């Protein structure tokens, strides 16, 4: 057998055998536990600018991962955990009450007669502030409970940091 014939047979065997091995691995993975994300909501931190000494509004942009939703700030049942932001006081910044967007009324297959008020996809929370001139950082936490079409998961906390300049 020549060297080129041996290499040809090797590569032919590889081309035939590799898909079989990969398919077998996929079948083995069917029994593997489903891995849930560490966070179901992503915060899009962006530096912002506001007018110093004047009431201005900072925007906090969030995105719920595809396939999930979170209860709005004002869910329709006392049994549901609302989405809330808790902010720490910051020197030189007077923050007013956080303004939450309206949720979307949605019913799910597990109870099509009940409408829940949820956030899914992108949503923006507004933070009215009056700030002294300079660079500022407001730290906080978004607390939420994520659900999918079949189940709700334990509440999560997402660190939030708003960096802005007042000019």
N, C-alpha and C. Protein backbone atom coordinates (compact mmCIF):
# COMPACT_ATOMS: atom_id res chain seq x y z
N UNK A 1 0.85 -1.16 0.00
CA UNK A 1 0.00 0.00 0.00
C UNK A 1 0.91 1.23 0.00
N UNK A 2 0.59 2.18 -0.87
CA UNK A 2 1.40 3.39 -0.96
C UNK A 2 0.95 4.38 0.10
N UNK A 3 1.81 5.35 0.31
CA UNK A 3 1.52 6.38 1.32
C UNK A 3 0.26 7.16 0.96
N UNK A 4 0.05 7.51 -0.32
CA UNK A 4 -1.13 8.29 -0.71
C UNK A 4 -2.41 7.48 -0.55
N UNK A 5 -2.34 6.15 -0.80
CA UNK A 5 -3.52 5.30 -0.61
C UNK A 5 -3.87 5.22 0.87
N UNK A 6 -2.88 5.13 1.74
CA UNK A 6 -3.10 5.07 3.19
C UNK A 6 -3.73 6.36 3.71
N UNK A 7 -3.25 7.51 3.21
CA UNK A 7 -3.82 8.79 3.63
C UNK A 7 -5.26 8.93 3.13
N UNK A 8 -5.51 8.46 1.92
CA UNK A 8 -6.86 8.53 1.36
C UNK A 8 -7.82 7.72 2.22
N UNK A 9 -7.40 6.50 2.60
CA UNK A 9 -8.25 5.66 3.44
C UNK A 9 -8.46 6.29 4.82
N UNK A 10 -7.41 6.90 5.36
CA UNK A 10 -7.52 7.54 6.67
C UNK A 10 -8.56 8.65 6.63
N UNK A 11 -8.45 9.56 5.64
CA UNK A 11 -9.40 10.67 5.54
C UNK A 11 -10.81 10.20 5.21
N UNK A 12 -10.94 9.16 4.40
CA UNK A 12 -12.26 8.61 4.10
C UNK A 12 -12.89 8.05 5.37
N UNK A 13 -12.11 7.36 6.17
CA UNK A 13 -12.62 6.83 7.45
C UNK A 13 -13.00 7.94 8.40
N UNK A 14 -12.21 9.01 8.40
CA UNK A 14 -12.50 10.15 9.25
C UNK A 14 -13.81 10.82 8.83
N UNK A 15 -14.01 10.98 7.53
CA UNK A 15 -15.23 11.60 7.04
C UNK A 15 -16.47 10.77 7.34
N UNK A 16 -16.33 9.47 7.32
CA UNK A 16 -17.46 8.59 7.61
C UNK A 16 -17.67 8.44 9.12
N UNK A 17 -16.60 8.31 9.87
CA UNK A 17 -16.69 8.04 11.31
C UNK A 17 -17.02 9.25 12.16
N UNK A 18 -16.54 10.43 11.78
CA UNK A 18 -16.74 11.62 12.59
C UNK A 18 -18.22 11.96 12.79
N UNK A 19 -19.04 11.98 11.74
CA UNK A 19 -20.46 12.26 11.97
C UNK A 19 -21.13 11.25 12.90
N UNK A 20 -20.73 9.99 12.83
CA UNK A 20 -21.31 8.96 13.71
C UNK A 20 -20.94 9.26 15.16
N UNK A 21 -19.69 9.62 15.42
CA UNK A 21 -19.25 9.93 16.78
C UNK A 21 -19.97 11.17 17.29
N UNK A 22 -20.08 12.21 16.47
CA UNK A 22 -20.77 13.43 16.89
C UNK A 22 -22.24 13.17 17.17
N UNK A 23 -22.89 12.37 16.35
CA UNK A 23 -24.31 12.04 16.58
C UNK A 23 -24.48 11.28 17.88
N UNK A 24 -23.57 10.38 18.18
CA UNK A 24 -23.64 9.61 19.42
C UNK A 24 -23.48 10.53 20.63
N UNK A 25 -22.61 11.53 20.51
CA UNK A 25 -22.43 12.48 21.61
C UNK A 25 -23.72 13.26 21.84
N UNK A 26 -24.39 13.67 20.78
CA UNK A 26 -25.63 14.43 20.92
C UNK A 26 -26.71 13.60 21.61
N UNK A 27 -26.82 12.33 21.27
CA UNK A 27 -27.79 11.45 21.91
C UNK A 27 -27.47 11.34 23.39
N UNK A 28 -26.20 11.23 23.73
CA UNK A 28 -25.79 11.17 25.13
C UNK A 28 -26.14 12.44 25.88
N UNK A 29 -26.16 13.58 25.21
CA UNK A 29 -26.47 14.85 25.85
C UNK A 29 -27.95 15.02 26.16
N UNK A 30 -28.81 14.16 25.64
CA UNK A 30 -30.24 14.29 25.91
C UNK A 30 -30.55 14.12 27.38
N UNK A 31 -29.73 13.37 28.08
CA UNK A 31 -29.95 13.14 29.50
C UNK A 31 -29.30 14.22 30.36
N UNK A 32 -28.52 15.10 29.76
CA UNK A 32 -27.84 16.15 30.52
C UNK A 32 -28.87 17.15 31.04
N UNK A 33 -28.65 17.70 32.24
CA UNK A 33 -29.60 18.68 32.78
C UNK A 33 -29.60 19.95 31.93
N UNK A 34 -30.76 20.59 31.88
CA UNK A 34 -30.88 21.85 31.15
C UNK A 34 -30.23 22.93 32.00
N UNK A 35 -29.34 23.69 31.42
CA UNK A 35 -28.64 24.74 32.15
C UNK A 35 -29.40 26.04 31.99
N UNK A 36 -29.82 26.62 33.09
CA UNK A 36 -30.52 27.90 33.08
C UNK A 36 -29.47 29.01 33.17
N UNK A 37 -29.75 30.16 32.54
CA UNK A 37 -28.78 31.26 32.61
C UNK A 37 -28.66 31.79 34.04
N UNK A 38 -27.50 32.38 34.35
CA UNK A 38 -27.30 32.95 35.67
C UNK A 38 -28.18 34.19 35.87
N UNK A 39 -28.43 34.90 34.79
CA UNK A 39 -29.28 36.08 34.83
C UNK A 39 -30.21 36.04 33.62
N UNK A 40 -31.46 36.34 33.85
CA UNK A 40 -32.44 36.33 32.77
C UNK A 40 -32.63 37.72 32.17
N UNK A 41 -32.03 38.72 32.83
CA UNK A 41 -32.14 40.11 32.39
C UNK A 41 -30.73 40.67 32.23
N UNK A 42 -30.53 41.44 31.18
CA UNK A 42 -29.24 42.08 30.91
C UNK A 42 -29.42 43.59 31.03
N UNK A 43 -28.47 44.24 31.70
CA UNK A 43 -28.48 45.70 31.85
C UNK A 43 -27.50 46.30 30.86
N UNK A 44 -27.96 47.25 30.07
CA UNK A 44 -27.11 47.93 29.09
C UNK A 44 -26.64 49.26 29.64
N UNK A 45 -25.53 49.24 30.39
CA UNK A 45 -25.00 50.46 31.00
C UNK A 45 -24.36 51.34 29.94
N UNK A 46 -24.80 52.60 29.90
CA UNK A 46 -24.23 53.57 28.96
C UNK A 46 -23.98 54.87 29.70
N UNK A 47 -22.81 55.49 29.53
CA UNK A 47 -22.58 56.80 30.15
C UNK A 47 -23.58 57.81 29.58
N UNK A 48 -24.08 58.69 30.46
CA UNK A 48 -25.08 59.66 30.03
C UNK A 48 -24.67 61.05 30.49
N UNK A 49 -25.26 62.07 29.88
CA UNK A 49 -25.01 63.47 30.25
C UNK A 49 -26.33 64.14 30.55
N UNK A 50 -26.32 65.00 31.58
CA UNK A 50 -27.51 65.76 31.95
C UNK A 50 -27.09 67.21 32.23
N UNK A 51 -28.07 68.09 32.32
CA UNK A 51 -27.80 69.49 32.66
C UNK A 51 -27.64 69.61 34.17
N UNK A 52 -26.55 70.24 34.61
CA UNK A 52 -26.29 70.40 36.04
C UNK A 52 -27.33 71.32 36.66
N UNK A 53 -27.81 70.94 37.85
CA UNK A 53 -28.74 71.77 38.60
C UNK A 53 -30.17 71.78 38.08
N UNK A 54 -30.45 71.06 37.03
CA UNK A 54 -31.81 71.02 36.46
C UNK A 54 -32.34 69.59 36.49
N UNK A 55 -33.66 69.49 36.61
CA UNK A 55 -34.27 68.16 36.59
C UNK A 55 -34.02 67.53 35.23
N UNK A 56 -33.43 66.35 35.27
CA UNK A 56 -33.13 65.59 34.05
C UNK A 56 -33.54 64.15 34.28
N UNK A 57 -33.65 63.40 33.20
CA UNK A 57 -34.07 62.01 33.32
C UNK A 57 -32.98 61.09 32.75
N UNK A 58 -32.52 60.17 33.59
CA UNK A 58 -31.58 59.14 33.16
C UNK A 58 -32.38 57.92 32.72
N UNK A 59 -31.87 57.22 31.71
CA UNK A 59 -32.55 56.03 31.21
C UNK A 59 -31.72 54.79 31.51
N UNK A 60 -32.38 53.79 32.06
CA UNK A 60 -31.74 52.51 32.37
C UNK A 60 -32.35 51.48 31.44
N UNK A 61 -31.54 50.93 30.55
CA UNK A 61 -32.02 50.02 29.52
C UNK A 61 -31.76 48.56 29.93
N UNK A 62 -32.83 47.78 29.89
CA UNK A 62 -32.77 46.36 30.23
C UNK A 62 -33.30 45.52 29.08
N UNK A 63 -32.87 44.27 29.05
CA UNK A 63 -33.39 43.33 28.04
C UNK A 63 -33.58 41.98 28.71
N UNK A 64 -34.81 41.46 28.60
CA UNK A 64 -35.12 40.12 29.11
C UNK A 64 -34.72 39.13 28.03
N UNK A 65 -34.01 38.08 28.40
CA UNK A 65 -33.56 37.08 27.43
C UNK A 65 -34.75 36.45 26.71
N UNK A 66 -34.53 36.09 25.45
CA UNK A 66 -35.57 35.44 24.66
C UNK A 66 -36.08 34.18 25.36
N UNK A 67 -37.38 33.99 25.31
CA UNK A 67 -37.99 32.81 25.92
C UNK A 67 -38.41 33.01 27.37
N UNK A 68 -38.11 34.19 27.93
CA UNK A 68 -38.44 34.48 29.32
C UNK A 68 -39.22 35.78 29.41
N UNK A 69 -39.86 36.00 30.54
CA UNK A 69 -40.50 37.27 30.86
C UNK A 69 -40.32 37.50 32.36
N UNK A 70 -40.48 38.74 32.78
CA UNK A 70 -40.45 39.06 34.21
C UNK A 70 -41.73 39.83 34.53
N UNK A 71 -42.19 39.71 35.76
CA UNK A 71 -43.38 40.46 36.16
C UNK A 71 -43.07 41.95 36.06
N UNK A 72 -44.05 42.74 35.70
CA UNK A 72 -43.85 44.19 35.64
C UNK A 72 -43.69 44.74 37.06
N UNK A 73 -43.51 46.05 37.14
CA UNK A 73 -43.39 46.72 38.44
C UNK A 73 -44.70 46.61 39.23
N UNK A 74 -45.80 46.52 38.51
CA UNK A 74 -47.11 46.41 39.18
C UNK A 74 -47.88 45.21 38.63
N UNK A 75 -47.48 44.01 39.06
CA UNK A 75 -48.18 42.81 38.57
C UNK A 75 -49.63 42.81 39.05
N UNK A 76 -50.44 42.02 38.39
CA UNK A 76 -51.88 42.02 38.67
C UNK A 76 -52.27 41.16 39.87
N UNK A 77 -51.32 40.54 40.52
CA UNK A 77 -51.62 39.71 41.69
C UNK A 77 -50.60 39.99 42.79
N UNK A 78 -51.09 40.01 44.02
CA UNK A 78 -50.19 40.20 45.17
C UNK A 78 -49.24 39.03 45.35
N UNK A 79 -49.57 37.89 44.74
CA UNK A 79 -48.73 36.70 44.86
C UNK A 79 -47.50 36.76 43.96
N UNK A 80 -47.51 37.68 42.99
CA UNK A 80 -46.40 37.78 42.04
C UNK A 80 -45.36 38.76 42.54
N UNK A 81 -44.11 38.47 42.25
CA UNK A 81 -42.99 39.32 42.69
C UNK A 81 -42.76 40.41 41.64
N UNK A 82 -42.91 41.68 42.03
CA UNK A 82 -42.73 42.77 41.06
C UNK A 82 -41.26 43.02 40.75
N UNK A 83 -41.01 43.60 39.59
CA UNK A 83 -39.68 44.05 39.22
C UNK A 83 -39.47 45.41 39.89
N UNK A 84 -38.36 45.55 40.62
CA UNK A 84 -38.09 46.80 41.34
C UNK A 84 -36.61 47.13 41.29
N UNK A 85 -36.34 48.43 41.31
CA UNK A 85 -34.96 48.91 41.39
C UNK A 85 -34.78 49.61 42.73
N UNK A 86 -33.73 49.22 43.43
CA UNK A 86 -33.35 49.90 44.67
C UNK A 86 -32.04 50.61 44.39
N UNK A 87 -32.01 51.94 44.62
CA UNK A 87 -30.82 52.74 44.35
C UNK A 87 -30.23 53.26 45.65
N UNK A 88 -28.91 53.33 45.69
CA UNK A 88 -28.20 53.86 46.85
C UNK A 88 -28.06 55.37 46.66
N UNK A 89 -28.13 56.14 47.75
CA UNK A 89 -27.92 57.59 47.63
C UNK A 89 -26.52 57.88 47.09
N UNK A 90 -26.42 58.93 46.29
CA UNK A 90 -25.12 59.34 45.73
C UNK A 90 -24.88 60.81 46.07
N UNK A 91 -23.67 61.13 46.46
CA UNK A 91 -23.32 62.50 46.80
C UNK A 91 -23.51 63.40 45.59
N UNK A 92 -24.18 64.53 45.80
CA UNK A 92 -24.38 65.50 44.73
C UNK A 92 -25.52 65.17 43.78
N UNK A 93 -26.28 64.12 44.10
CA UNK A 93 -27.39 63.70 43.24
C UNK A 93 -28.65 63.57 44.08
N UNK A 94 -29.69 64.27 43.66
CA UNK A 94 -31.00 64.10 44.29
C UNK A 94 -31.86 63.32 43.30
N UNK A 95 -32.16 62.09 43.66
CA UNK A 95 -32.96 61.22 42.78
C UNK A 95 -34.42 61.25 43.22
N UNK A 96 -35.30 61.30 42.24
CA UNK A 96 -36.74 61.22 42.51
C UNK A 96 -37.17 59.76 42.36
N UNK A 97 -38.46 59.52 42.46
CA UNK A 97 -38.98 58.15 42.34
C UNK A 97 -38.72 57.61 40.94
N UNK A 98 -38.33 56.35 40.89
CA UNK A 98 -38.09 55.66 39.62
C UNK A 98 -39.41 55.56 38.85
N UNK A 99 -39.34 55.77 37.53
CA UNK A 99 -40.52 55.66 36.67
C UNK A 99 -40.41 54.37 35.85
N UNK A 100 -41.33 53.46 36.11
CA UNK A 100 -41.33 52.16 35.43
C UNK A 100 -42.24 52.21 34.20
N UNK A 101 -41.89 51.46 33.17
CA UNK A 101 -42.78 51.40 32.01
C UNK A 101 -44.01 50.53 32.31
N UNK A 102 -45.04 50.71 31.53
CA UNK A 102 -46.20 49.82 31.63
C UNK A 102 -45.78 48.45 31.13
N UNK A 103 -46.34 47.43 31.73
CA UNK A 103 -46.07 46.08 31.25
C UNK A 103 -47.00 45.73 30.10
N UNK A 104 -46.80 44.56 29.57
CA UNK A 104 -47.65 44.04 28.51
C UNK A 104 -48.59 43.01 29.11
N UNK A 105 -49.87 43.13 28.81
CA UNK A 105 -50.84 42.16 29.29
C UNK A 105 -50.71 40.90 28.45
N UNK A 106 -50.52 39.78 29.13
CA UNK A 106 -50.22 38.55 28.40
C UNK A 106 -50.81 37.36 29.14
N UNK A 107 -51.37 36.43 28.40
CA UNK A 107 -51.85 35.19 29.03
C UNK A 107 -50.97 34.04 28.57
N UNK A 108 -50.86 33.05 29.42
CA UNK A 108 -49.98 31.93 29.15
C UNK A 108 -50.78 30.64 29.06
N UNK A 109 -50.19 29.65 28.45
CA UNK A 109 -50.88 28.39 28.19
C UNK A 109 -51.33 27.69 29.47
N UNK A 110 -50.61 27.91 30.59
CA UNK A 110 -50.99 27.24 31.83
C UNK A 110 -52.28 27.81 32.42
N UNK A 111 -52.67 29.05 32.03
CA UNK A 111 -53.95 29.62 32.45
C UNK A 111 -54.34 30.72 31.47
N UNK A 112 -54.93 30.36 30.33
CA UNK A 112 -55.25 31.34 29.29
C UNK A 112 -56.30 32.37 29.70
N UNK A 113 -57.04 32.12 30.78
CA UNK A 113 -58.07 33.08 31.20
C UNK A 113 -57.50 34.22 32.03
N UNK A 114 -56.33 34.03 32.61
CA UNK A 114 -55.72 35.07 33.44
C UNK A 114 -54.68 35.85 32.65
N UNK A 115 -54.80 37.18 32.70
CA UNK A 115 -53.82 38.05 32.04
C UNK A 115 -52.81 38.53 33.09
N UNK A 116 -51.54 38.36 32.78
CA UNK A 116 -50.47 38.83 33.65
C UNK A 116 -49.85 40.07 33.03
N UNK A 117 -49.26 40.92 33.85
CA UNK A 117 -48.62 42.14 33.39
C UNK A 117 -47.11 41.91 33.46
N UNK A 118 -46.46 41.82 32.29
CA UNK A 118 -45.06 41.40 32.25
C UNK A 118 -44.21 42.31 31.37
N UNK A 119 -42.90 42.19 31.56
CA UNK A 119 -41.92 42.77 30.65
C UNK A 119 -41.27 41.61 29.91
N UNK A 120 -41.10 41.78 28.62
CA UNK A 120 -40.32 40.82 27.82
C UNK A 120 -39.57 41.64 26.78
N UNK A 121 -38.48 41.10 26.28
CA UNK A 121 -37.67 41.88 25.35
C UNK A 121 -37.05 43.07 26.06
N UNK A 122 -36.98 44.21 25.37
CA UNK A 122 -36.35 45.41 25.92
C UNK A 122 -37.36 46.25 26.70
N UNK A 123 -36.89 46.80 27.82
CA UNK A 123 -37.70 47.79 28.54
C UNK A 123 -36.77 48.81 29.18
N UNK A 124 -37.28 50.04 29.36
CA UNK A 124 -36.48 51.14 29.87
C UNK A 124 -37.13 51.70 31.13
N UNK A 125 -36.32 51.87 32.16
CA UNK A 125 -36.75 52.47 33.41
C UNK A 125 -36.13 53.86 33.46
N UNK A 126 -36.91 54.85 33.91
CA UNK A 126 -36.42 56.23 33.94
C UNK A 126 -36.16 56.67 35.38
N UNK A 127 -35.06 57.41 35.54
CA UNK A 127 -34.67 57.91 36.85
C UNK A 127 -34.52 59.43 36.78
N UNK A 128 -35.51 60.18 37.29
CA UNK A 128 -35.39 61.63 37.32
C UNK A 128 -34.38 62.05 38.40
N UNK A 129 -33.48 62.96 38.04
CA UNK A 129 -32.46 63.42 38.98
C UNK A 129 -32.23 64.92 38.83
N UNK A 130 -31.69 65.51 39.89
CA UNK A 130 -31.10 66.84 39.85
C UNK A 130 -29.70 66.63 40.40
N UNK A 131 -28.68 66.98 39.60
CA UNK A 131 -27.30 66.68 40.00
C UNK A 131 -26.42 67.92 39.93
N UNK A 132 -25.49 67.99 40.88
CA UNK A 132 -24.46 69.04 40.84
C UNK A 132 -23.53 68.75 39.67
N UNK A 133 -22.82 69.78 39.21
CA UNK A 133 -21.88 69.60 38.10
C UNK A 133 -20.82 68.58 38.48
N UNK A 134 -20.45 67.74 37.52
CA UNK A 134 -19.42 66.74 37.75
C UNK A 134 -19.84 65.36 37.30
N UNK A 135 -18.93 64.41 37.55
CA UNK A 135 -19.17 63.01 37.19
C UNK A 135 -19.82 62.32 38.39
N UNK A 136 -20.83 61.50 38.12
CA UNK A 136 -21.57 60.83 39.19
C UNK A 136 -21.77 59.35 38.88
N UNK A 137 -21.89 58.58 39.94
CA UNK A 137 -22.22 57.16 39.83
C UNK A 137 -23.32 56.85 40.83
N UNK A 138 -24.39 56.25 40.34
CA UNK A 138 -25.48 55.80 41.20
C UNK A 138 -25.51 54.28 41.10
N UNK A 139 -25.34 53.63 42.25
CA UNK A 139 -25.36 52.16 42.30
C UNK A 139 -26.73 51.69 42.78
N UNK A 140 -27.09 50.51 42.32
CA UNK A 140 -28.36 49.95 42.74
C UNK A 140 -28.48 48.49 42.36
N UNK A 141 -29.69 47.98 42.54
CA UNK A 141 -29.98 46.58 42.26
C UNK A 141 -31.37 46.47 41.63
N UNK A 142 -31.45 45.71 40.54
CA UNK A 142 -32.74 45.36 39.95
C UNK A 142 -33.12 44.00 40.52
N UNK A 143 -34.27 43.94 41.13
CA UNK A 143 -34.77 42.66 41.68
C UNK A 143 -35.95 42.24 40.84
N UNK A 144 -35.94 40.98 40.39
CA UNK A 144 -36.99 40.49 39.49
C UNK A 144 -37.16 38.99 39.66
N UNK A 145 -38.26 38.49 39.12
CA UNK A 145 -38.48 37.05 39.03
C UNK A 145 -38.79 36.72 37.59
N UNK A 146 -37.99 35.83 37.02
CA UNK A 146 -38.17 35.43 35.63
C UNK A 146 -39.00 34.16 35.54
N UNK A 147 -39.75 34.06 34.45
CA UNK A 147 -40.56 32.87 34.17
C UNK A 147 -40.44 32.55 32.69
N UNK A 148 -40.73 31.31 32.35
CA UNK A 148 -40.87 30.96 30.94
C UNK A 148 -42.29 30.43 30.75
N UNK A 149 -42.56 29.76 29.67
CA UNK A 149 -43.93 29.30 29.39
C UNK A 149 -44.39 28.20 30.36
N UNK A 150 -43.46 27.61 31.11
CA UNK A 150 -43.83 26.48 31.96
C UNK A 150 -43.61 26.69 33.45
N UNK A 151 -42.69 27.59 33.83
CA UNK A 151 -42.34 27.71 35.25
C UNK A 151 -41.77 29.08 35.56
N UNK A 152 -41.81 29.42 36.85
CA UNK A 152 -41.14 30.62 37.33
C UNK A 152 -39.94 30.17 38.16
N UNK A 153 -38.91 31.01 38.16
CA UNK A 153 -37.65 30.66 38.80
C UNK A 153 -37.44 31.54 40.03
N UNK A 154 -36.52 31.15 40.92
CA UNK A 154 -36.28 31.96 42.13
C UNK A 154 -35.92 33.40 41.77
N UNK A 155 -36.33 34.35 42.60
CA UNK A 155 -36.00 35.76 42.34
C UNK A 155 -34.49 35.96 42.20
N UNK A 156 -34.13 36.94 41.39
CA UNK A 156 -32.72 37.26 41.15
C UNK A 156 -32.50 38.74 41.42
N UNK A 157 -31.24 39.08 41.66
CA UNK A 157 -30.81 40.47 41.81
C UNK A 157 -29.73 40.75 40.79
N UNK A 158 -29.86 41.87 40.10
CA UNK A 158 -28.90 42.27 39.08
C UNK A 158 -28.29 43.60 39.48
N UNK A 159 -26.96 43.67 39.67
CA UNK A 159 -26.33 44.95 39.99
C UNK A 159 -26.52 45.95 38.85
N UNK A 160 -26.79 47.20 39.23
CA UNK A 160 -27.00 48.27 38.27
C UNK A 160 -26.09 49.43 38.67
N UNK A 161 -25.39 49.98 37.70
CA UNK A 161 -24.56 51.15 37.96
C UNK A 161 -24.82 52.18 36.86
N UNK A 162 -25.29 53.36 37.28
CA UNK A 162 -25.59 54.43 36.33
C UNK A 162 -24.47 55.46 36.45
N UNK A 163 -23.73 55.64 35.37
CA UNK A 163 -22.64 56.62 35.34
C UNK A 163 -23.07 57.77 34.45
N UNK A 164 -22.97 59.00 34.99
CA UNK A 164 -23.37 60.15 34.18
C UNK A 164 -22.59 61.39 34.57
N UNK A 165 -22.58 62.34 33.66
CA UNK A 165 -21.92 63.62 33.87
C UNK A 165 -22.97 64.72 33.85
N UNK A 166 -22.91 65.61 34.82
CA UNK A 166 -23.78 66.78 34.85
C UNK A 166 -22.93 67.98 34.43
N UNK A 167 -23.36 68.65 33.37
CA UNK A 167 -22.60 69.80 32.84
C UNK A 167 -23.39 71.08 32.96
